[in-house]
Amino acid sequence: MLYGVQSNDLFESGTLLTFLVAFFFFQQRFLTFWKLINCFLDFLETKCSDFFRLFEDKLISSLDFLETNVTDTWNLIIFGD
């Protein structure tokens, strides 16, 4: 007896079969949906890492440019070169 329902009643009424069919159907749909989410997250990770790598390269080159110009400016001010 399972929560007031006898086990043979589940088989006779088809409730268990209906539940199993629905479970496997939705399980496949959920797995497909989950695969799509994972693909989307992989895509975002790839694009975001490319963007941040490009941003980092541009930032570093800008900082190098500023460092060079500030050093040249200070040399000009201090040493008159």
PDB file of N, CA and C in Angstrom:
ATOM      1  N   MET A   1       0.853  -1.169   0.000  1.00  0.00           N
ATOM      2  CA  MET A   1       0.000   0.000   0.000  1.00  0.00           C
ATOM      3  C   MET A   1       0.905   1.240   0.000  1.00  0.00           C
ATOM      4  N   LEU A   2       0.655   2.106  -0.956  1.00  0.00           N
ATOM      5  CA  LEU A   2       1.474   3.289  -1.134  1.00  0.00           C
ATOM      6  C   LEU A   2       0.579   4.518  -1.044  1.00  0.00           C
ATOM      7  N   TYR A   3       0.605   5.201   0.103  1.00  0.00           N
ATOM      8  CA  TYR A   3      -0.219   6.388   0.335  1.00  0.00           C
ATOM      9  C   TYR A   3      -1.692   6.116   0.045  1.00  0.00           C
ATOM     10  N   GLY A   4      -2.199   5.002   0.508  1.00  0.00           N
ATOM     11  CA  GLY A   4      -3.615   4.693   0.363  1.00  0.00           C
ATOM     12  C   GLY A   4      -3.979   4.070  -0.971  1.00  0.00           C
ATOM     13  N   VAL A   5      -2.990   3.833  -1.842  1.00  0.00           N
ATOM     14  CA  VAL A   5      -3.258   3.232  -3.149  1.00  0.00           C
ATOM     15  C   VAL A   5      -2.484   1.926  -3.208  1.00  0.00           C
ATOM     16  N   GLN A   6      -3.145   0.873  -3.556  1.00  0.00           N
ATOM     17  CA  GLN A   6      -2.459  -0.399  -3.673  1.00  0.00           C
ATOM     18  C   GLN A   6      -1.660  -0.418  -4.963  1.00  0.00           C
ATOM     19  N   SER A   7      -0.540  -1.129  -4.942  1.00  0.00           N
ATOM     20  CA  SER A   7       0.352  -1.135  -6.096  1.00  0.00           C
ATOM     21  C   SER A   7      -0.322  -1.668  -7.353  1.00  0.00           C
ATOM     22  N   ASN A   8      -1.207  -2.658  -7.221  1.00  0.00           N
ATOM     23  CA  ASN A   8      -1.860  -3.180  -8.420  1.00  0.00           C
ATOM     24  C   ASN A   8      -2.852  -2.176  -8.995  1.00  0.00           C
ATOM     25  N   ASP A   9      -3.380  -1.256  -8.176  1.00  0.00           N
ATOM     26  CA  ASP A   9      -4.259  -0.208  -8.688  1.00  0.00           C
ATOM     27  C   ASP A   9      -3.502   0.747  -9.610  1.00  0.00           C
ATOM     28  N   LEU A  10      -2.235   0.997  -9.300  1.00  0.00           N
ATOM     29  CA  LEU A  10      -1.438   1.869 -10.162  1.00  0.00           C
ATOM     30  C   LEU A  10      -1.271   1.264 -11.555  1.00  0.00           C
ATOM     31  N   PHE A  11      -1.023  -0.026 -11.593  1.00  0.00           N
ATOM     32  CA  PHE A  11      -0.828  -0.671 -12.886  1.00  0.00           C
ATOM     33  C   PHE A  11      -2.142  -0.791 -13.653  1.00  0.00           C
ATOM     34  N   GLU A  12      -3.234  -1.070 -12.934  1.00  0.00           N
ATOM     35  CA  GLU A  12      -4.522  -1.248 -13.601  1.00  0.00           C
ATOM     36  C   GLU A  12      -5.055   0.062 -14.159  1.00  0.00           C
ATOM     37  N   SER A  13      -4.863   1.140 -13.459  1.00  0.00           N
ATOM     38  CA  SER A  13      -5.421   2.414 -13.910  1.00  0.00           C
ATOM     39  C   SER A  13      -4.544   3.091 -14.955  1.00  0.00           C
ATOM     40  N   GLY A  14      -3.319   2.645 -15.097  1.00  0.00           N
ATOM     41  CA  GLY A  14      -2.425   3.270 -16.062  1.00  0.00           C
ATOM     42  C   GLY A  14      -1.754   4.512 -15.532  1.00  0.00           C
ATOM     43  N   THR A  15      -1.960   4.812 -14.272  1.00  0.00           N
ATOM     44  CA  THR A  15      -1.370   6.019 -13.694  1.00  0.00           C
ATOM     45  C   THR A  15       0.149   5.943 -13.696  1.00  0.00           C
ATOM     46  N   LEU A  16       0.672   4.798 -13.320  1.00  0.00           N
ATOM     47  CA  LEU A  16       2.118   4.644 -13.285  1.00  0.00           C
ATOM     48  C   LEU A  16       2.703   4.741 -14.680  1.00  0.00           C
ATOM     49  N   LEU A  17       2.041   4.106 -15.633  1.00  0.00           N
ATOM     50  CA  LEU A  17       2.524   4.161 -17.022  1.00  0.00           C
ATOM     51  C   LEU A  17       2.476   5.589 -17.547  1.00  0.00           C
ATOM     52  N   THR A  18       1.403   6.281 -17.264  1.00  0.00           N
ATOM     53  CA  THR A  18       1.285   7.681 -17.686  1.00  0.00           C
ATOM     54  C   THR A  18       2.381   8.528 -17.049  1.00  0.00           C
ATOM     55  N   PHE A  19       2.609   8.312 -15.770  1.00  0.00           N
ATOM     56  CA  PHE A  19       3.661   9.048 -15.084  1.00  0.00           C
ATOM     57  C   PHE A  19       5.023   8.765 -15.702  1.00  0.00           C
ATOM     58  N   LEU A  20       5.327   7.499 -15.991  1.00  0.00           N
ATOM     59  CA  LEU A  20       6.627   7.145 -16.567  1.00  0.00           C
ATOM     60  C   LEU A  20       6.811   7.734 -17.962  1.00  0.00           C
ATOM     61  N   VAL A  21       5.763   7.658 -18.768  1.00  0.00           N
ATOM     62  CA  VAL A  21       5.845   8.247 -20.115  1.00  0.00           C
ATOM     63  C   VAL A  21       6.071   9.753 -20.019  1.00  0.00           C
ATOM     64  N   ALA A  22       5.322  10.414 -19.157  1.00  0.00           N
ATOM     65  CA  ALA A  22       5.485  11.864 -18.991  1.00  0.00           C
ATOM     66  C   ALA A  22       6.870  12.187 -18.447  1.00  0.00           C
ATOM     67  N   PHE A  23       7.343  11.392 -17.511  1.00  0.00           N
ATOM     68  CA  PHE A  23       8.660  11.631 -16.930  1.00  0.00           C
ATOM     69  C   PHE A  23       9.755  11.541 -17.988  1.00  0.00           C
ATOM     70  N   PHE A  24       9.733  10.471 -18.792  1.00  0.00           N
ATOM     71  CA  PHE A  24      10.768  10.317 -19.809  1.00  0.00           C
ATOM     72  C   PHE A  24      10.642  11.364 -20.914  1.00  0.00           C
ATOM     73  N   PHE A  25       9.417  11.730 -21.265  1.00  0.00           N
ATOM     74  CA  PHE A  25       9.213  12.765 -22.276  1.00  0.00           C
ATOM     75  C   PHE A  25       9.804  14.098 -21.801  1.00  0.00           C
ATOM     76  N   PHE A  26       9.432  14.491 -20.589  1.00  0.00           N
ATOM     77  CA  PHE A  26       9.920  15.772 -20.074  1.00  0.00           C
ATOM     78  C   PHE A  26      11.397  15.720 -19.718  1.00  0.00           C
ATOM     79  N   GLN A  27      11.884  14.552 -19.367  1.00  0.00           N
ATOM     80  CA  GLN A  27      13.311  14.422 -19.097  1.00  0.00           C
ATOM     81  C   GLN A  27      14.107  14.702 -20.363  1.00  0.00           C
ATOM     82  N   GLN A  28      13.653  14.159 -21.497  1.00  0.00           N
ATOM     83  CA  GLN A  28      14.337  14.414 -22.758  1.00  0.00           C
ATOM     84  C   GLN A  28      14.257  15.892 -23.138  1.00  0.00           C
ATOM     85  N   ARG A  29      13.093  16.498 -22.923  1.00  0.00           N
ATOM     86  CA  ARG A  29      12.934  17.928 -23.224  1.00  0.00           C
ATOM     87  C   ARG A  29      13.835  18.764 -22.322  1.00  0.00           C
ATOM     88  N   PHE A  30      13.897  18.394 -21.057  1.00  0.00           N
ATOM     89  CA  PHE A  30      14.737  19.135 -20.125  1.00  0.00           C
ATOM     90  C   PHE A  30      16.205  18.997 -20.506  1.00  0.00           C
ATOM     91  N   LEU A  31      16.632  17.778 -20.884  1.00  0.00           N
ATOM     92  CA  LEU A  31      18.026  17.590 -21.277  1.00  0.00           C
ATOM     93  C   LEU A  31      18.353  18.384 -22.528  1.00  0.00           C
ATOM     94  N   THR A  32      17.428  18.428 -23.479  1.00  0.00           N
ATOM     95  CA  THR A  32      17.639  19.227 -24.686  1.00  0.00           C
ATOM     96  C   THR A  32      17.743  20.705 -24.327  1.00  0.00           C
ATOM     97  N   PHE A  33      16.846  21.167 -23.466  1.00  0.00           N
ATOM     98  CA  PHE A  33      16.872  22.561 -23.018  1.00  0.00           C
ATOM     99  C   PHE A  33      18.173  22.863 -22.293  1.00  0.00           C
ATOM    100  N   TRP A  34      18.620  21.932 -21.452  1.00  0.00           N
ATOM    101  CA  TRP A  34      19.858  22.121 -20.699  1.00  0.00           C
ATOM    102  C   TRP A  34      21.054  22.173 -21.635  1.00  0.00           C
ATOM    103  N   LYS A  35      21.059  21.354 -22.682  1.00  0.00           N
ATOM    104  CA  LYS A  35      22.143  21.392 -23.661  1.00  0.00           C
ATOM    105  C   LYS A  35      22.170  22.734 -24.384  1.00  0.00           C
ATOM    106  N   LEU A  36      20.997  23.263 -24.704  1.00  0.00           N
ATOM    107  CA  LEU A  36      20.938  24.581 -25.338  1.00  0.00           C
ATOM    108  C   LEU A  36      21.482  25.662 -24.414  1.00  0.00           C
ATOM    109  N   ILE A  37      21.137  25.592 -23.148  1.00  0.00           N
ATOM    110  CA  ILE A  37      21.653  26.574 -22.184  1.00  0.00           C
ATOM    111  C   ILE A  37      23.173  26.465 -22.082  1.00  0.00           C
ATOM    112  N   ASN A  38      23.697  25.252 -22.041  1.00  0.00           N
ATOM    113  CA  ASN A  38      25.146  25.074 -21.956  1.00  0.00           C
ATOM    114  C   ASN A  38      25.845  25.604 -23.198  1.00  0.00           C
ATOM    115  N   CYS A  39      25.256  25.359 -24.363  1.00  0.00           N
ATOM    116  CA  CYS A  39      25.841  25.888 -25.603  1.00  0.00           C
ATOM    117  C   CYS A  39      25.848  27.413 -25.581  1.00  0.00           C
ATOM    118  N   PHE A  40      24.754  28.010 -25.127  1.00  0.00           N
ATOM    119  CA  PHE A  40      24.669  29.462 -25.051  1.00  0.00           C
ATOM    120  C   PHE A  40      25.701  30.020 -24.067  1.00  0.00           C
ATOM    121  N   LEU A  41      25.853  29.356 -22.919  1.00  0.00           N
ATOM    122  CA  LEU A  41      26.839  29.818 -21.933  1.00  0.00           C
ATOM    123  C   LEU A  41      28.266  29.660 -22.459  1.00  0.00           C
ATOM    124  N   ASP A  42      28.539  28.587 -23.185  1.00  0.00           N
ATOM    125  CA  ASP A  42      29.854  28.432 -23.804  1.00  0.00           C
ATOM    126  C   ASP A  42      30.111  29.530 -24.818  1.00  0.00           C
ATOM    127  N   PHE A  43      29.080  29.846 -25.606  1.00  0.00           N
ATOM    128  CA  PHE A  43      29.197  30.919 -26.584  1.00  0.00           C
ATOM    129  C   PHE A  43      29.498  32.247 -25.895  1.00  0.00           C
ATOM    130  N   LEU A  44      28.748  32.544 -24.824  1.00  0.00           N
ATOM    131  CA  LEU A  44      28.987  33.793 -24.091  1.00  0.00           C
ATOM    132  C   LEU A  44      30.380  33.831 -23.480  1.00  0.00           C
ATOM    133  N   GLU A  45      30.813  32.705 -22.942  1.00  0.00           N
ATOM    134  CA  GLU A  45      32.137  32.646 -22.338  1.00  0.00           C
ATOM    135  C   GLU A  45      33.213  32.918 -23.383  1.00  0.00           C
ATOM    136  N   THR A  46      33.050  32.341 -24.554  1.00  0.00           N
ATOM    137  CA  THR A  46      34.022  32.549 -25.628  1.00  0.00           C
ATOM    138  C   THR A  46      34.030  34.008 -26.072  1.00  0.00           C
ATOM    139  N   LYS A  47      32.854  34.553 -26.323  1.00  0.00           N
ATOM    140  CA  LYS A  47      32.765  35.935 -26.803  1.00  0.00           C
ATOM    141  C   LYS A  47      33.219  36.920 -25.736  1.00  0.00           C
ATOM    142  N   CYS A  48      32.820  36.679 -24.488  1.00  0.00           N
ATOM    143  CA  CYS A  48      33.213  37.591 -23.411  1.00  0.00           C
ATOM    144  C   CYS A  48      34.721  37.542 -23.172  1.00  0.00           C
ATOM    145  N   SER A  49      35.290  36.347 -23.227  1.00  0.00           N
ATOM    146  CA  SER A  49      36.735  36.262 -23.018  1.00  0.00           C
ATOM    147  C   SER A  49      37.475  36.943 -24.161  1.00  0.00           C
ATOM    148  N   ASP A  50      36.962  36.814 -25.399  1.00  0.00           N
ATOM    149  CA  ASP A  50      37.574  37.531 -26.518  1.00  0.00           C
ATOM    150  C   ASP A  50      37.467  39.034 -26.324  1.00  0.00           C
ATOM    151  N   PHE A  51      36.288  39.483 -25.887  1.00  0.00           N
ATOM    152  CA  PHE A  51      36.086  40.914 -25.667  1.00  0.00           C
ATOM    153  C   PHE A  51      37.016  41.437 -24.581  1.00  0.00           C
ATOM    154  N   PHE A  52      37.082  40.726 -23.459  1.00  0.00           N
ATOM    155  CA  PHE A  52      37.923  41.200 -22.362  1.00  0.00           C
ATOM    156  C   PHE A  52      39.405  41.112 -22.699  1.00  0.00           C
ATOM    157  N   ARG A  53      39.792  40.118 -23.487  1.00  0.00           N
ATOM    158  CA  ARG A  53      41.182  40.046 -23.919  1.00  0.00           C
ATOM    159  C   ARG A  53      41.516  41.236 -24.822  1.00  0.00           C
ATOM    160  N   LEU A  54      40.596  41.571 -25.738  1.00  0.00           N
ATOM    161  CA  LEU A  54      40.790  42.730 -26.597  1.00  0.00           C
ATOM    162  C   LEU A  54      40.804  44.013 -25.772  1.00  0.00           C
ATOM    163  N   PHE A  55      39.878  44.117 -24.823  1.00  0.00           N
ATOM    164  CA  PHE A  55      39.829  45.292 -23.953  1.00  0.00           C
ATOM    165  C   PHE A  55      41.110  45.425 -23.149  1.00  0.00           C
ATOM    166  N   GLU A  56      41.597  44.304 -22.625  1.00  0.00           N
ATOM    167  CA  GLU A  56      42.830  44.326 -21.837  1.00  0.00           C
ATOM    168  C   GLU A  56      44.013  44.750 -22.707  1.00  0.00           C
ATOM    169  N   ASP A  57      44.094  44.225 -23.923  1.00  0.00           N
ATOM    170  CA  ASP A  57      45.178  44.617 -24.827  1.00  0.00           C
ATOM    171  C   ASP A  57      45.133  46.101 -25.147  1.00  0.00           C
ATOM    172  N   LYS A  58      43.920  46.613 -25.405  1.00  0.00           N
ATOM    173  CA  LYS A  58      43.777  48.044 -25.698  1.00  0.00           C
ATOM    174  C   LYS A  58      44.120  48.887 -24.471  1.00  0.00           C
ATOM    175  N   LEU A  59      43.693  48.435 -23.310  1.00  0.00           N
ATOM    176  CA  LEU A  59      43.988  49.173 -22.084  1.00  0.00           C
ATOM    177  C   LEU A  59      45.487  49.206 -21.814  1.00  0.00           C
ATOM    178  N   ILE A  60      46.142  48.082 -21.971  1.00  0.00           N
ATOM    179  CA  ILE A  60      47.590  48.021 -21.744  1.00  0.00           C
ATOM    180  C   ILE A  60      48.329  48.896 -22.743  1.00  0.00           C
ATOM    181  N   SER A  61      47.911  48.841 -24.007  1.00  0.00           N
ATOM    182  CA  SER A  61      48.588  49.685 -24.999  1.00  0.00           C
ATOM    183  C   SER A  61      48.335  51.164 -24.714  1.00  0.00           C
ATOM    184  N   SER A  62      47.129  51.507 -24.241  1.00  0.00           N
ATOM    185  CA  SER A  62      46.846  52.899 -23.884  1.00  0.00           C
ATOM    186  C   SER A  62      47.684  53.335 -22.687  1.00  0.00           C
ATOM    187  N   LEU A  63      47.820  52.463 -21.700  1.00  0.00           N
ATOM    188  CA  LEU A  63      48.641  52.801 -20.540  1.00  0.00           C
ATOM    189  C   LEU A  63      50.116  52.928 -20.918  1.00  0.00           C
ATOM    190  N   ASP A  64      50.585  52.066 -21.805  1.00  0.00           N
ATOM    191  CA  ASP A  64      51.960  52.194 -22.284  1.00  0.00           C
ATOM    192  C   ASP A  64      52.160  53.504 -23.023  1.00  0.00           C
ATOM    193  N   PHE A  65      51.175  53.882 -23.845  1.00  0.00           N
ATOM    194  CA  PHE A  65      51.235  55.141 -24.569  1.00  0.00           C
ATOM    195  C   PHE A  65      51.281  56.323 -23.603  1.00  0.00           C
ATOM    196  N   LEU A  66      50.409  56.281 -22.575  1.00  0.00           N
ATOM    197  CA  LEU A  66      50.397  57.367 -21.587  1.00  0.00           C
ATOM    198  C   LEU A  66      51.704  57.423 -20.807  1.00  0.00           C
ATOM    199  N   GLU A  67      52.217  56.257 -20.440  1.00  0.00           N
ATOM    200  CA  GLU A  67      53.471  56.223 -19.692  1.00  0.00           C
ATOM    201  C   GLU A  67      54.606  56.838 -20.504  1.00  0.00           C
ATOM    202  N   THR A  68      54.650  56.493 -21.777  1.00  0.00           N
ATOM    203  CA  THR A  68      55.694  57.041 -22.652  1.00  0.00           C
ATOM    204  C   THR A  68      55.549  58.556 -22.786  1.00  0.00           C
ATOM    205  N   ASN A  69      54.327  59.027 -22.998  1.00  0.00           N
ATOM    206  CA  ASN A  69      54.115  60.471 -23.169  1.00  0.00           C
ATOM    207  C   ASN A  69      54.363  61.236 -21.880  1.00  0.00           C
ATOM    208  N   VAL A  70      53.943  60.674 -20.740  1.00  0.00           N
ATOM    209  CA  VAL A  70      54.183  61.361 -19.464  1.00  0.00           C
ATOM    210  C   VAL A  70      55.672  61.416 -19.176  1.00  0.00           C
ATOM    211  N   THR A  71      56.374  60.321 -19.441  1.00  0.00           N
ATOM    212  CA  THR A  71      57.826  60.307 -19.226  1.00  0.00           C
ATOM    213  C   THR A  71      58.498  61.329 -20.123  1.00  0.00           C
ATOM    214  N   ASP A  72      58.091  61.390 -21.382  1.00  0.00           N
ATOM    215  CA  ASP A  72      58.668  62.380 -22.296  1.00  0.00           C
ATOM    216  C   ASP A  72      58.351  63.799 -21.857  1.00  0.00           C
ATOM    217  N   THR A  73      57.127  64.001 -21.365  1.00  0.00           N
ATOM    218  CA  THR A  73      56.735  65.335 -20.914  1.00  0.00           C
ATOM    219  C   THR A  73      57.538  65.752 -19.682  1.00  0.00           C
ATOM    220  N   TRP A  74      57.700  64.829 -18.714  1.00  0.00           N
ATOM    221  CA  TRP A  74      58.489  65.149 -17.526  1.00  0.00           C
ATOM    222  C   TRP A  74      59.951  65.392 -17.890  1.00  0.00           C
ATOM    223  N   ASN A  75      60.480  64.614 -18.807  1.00  0.00           N
ATOM    224  CA  ASN A  75      61.861  64.857 -19.245  1.00  0.00           C
ATOM    225  C   ASN A  75      61.995  66.229 -19.886  1.00  0.00           C
ATOM    226  N   LEU A  76      60.991  66.610 -20.646  1.00  0.00           N
ATOM    227  CA  LEU A  76      61.012  67.922 -21.279  1.00  0.00           C
ATOM    228  C   LEU A  76      60.923  69.031 -20.226  1.00  0.00           C
ATOM    229  N   ILE A  77      60.062  68.850 -19.232  1.00  0.00           N
ATOM    230  CA  ILE A  77      59.896  69.865 -18.195  1.00  0.00           C
ATOM    231  C   ILE A  77      61.124  69.937 -17.292  1.00  0.00           C
ATOM    232  N   ILE A  78      61.631  68.809 -16.855  1.00  0.00           N
ATOM    233  CA  ILE A  78      62.715  68.786 -15.878  1.00  0.00           C
ATOM    234  C   ILE A  78      64.058  69.067 -16.534  1.00  0.00           C
ATOM    235  N   PHE A  79      64.334  68.369 -17.608  1.00  0.00           N
ATOM    236  CA  PHE A  79      65.664  68.467 -18.214  1.00  0.00           C
ATOM    237  C   PHE A  79      65.715  69.431 -19.394  1.00  0.00           C
ATOM    238  N   GLY A  80      64.570  69.845 -19.883  1.00  0.00           N
ATOM    239  CA  GLY A  80      64.554  70.767 -21.011  1.00  0.00           C
ATOM    240  C   GLY A  80      64.980  70.113 -22.316  1.00  0.00           C
ATOM    241  N   ASP A  81      64.830  68.776 -22.404  1.00  0.00           N
ATOM    242  CA  ASP A  81      65.216  68.089 -23.656  1.00  0.00           C
ATOM    243  C   ASP A  81      64.176  68.263 -24.715  1.00  0.00           C
TER     244      ASP A  81
END
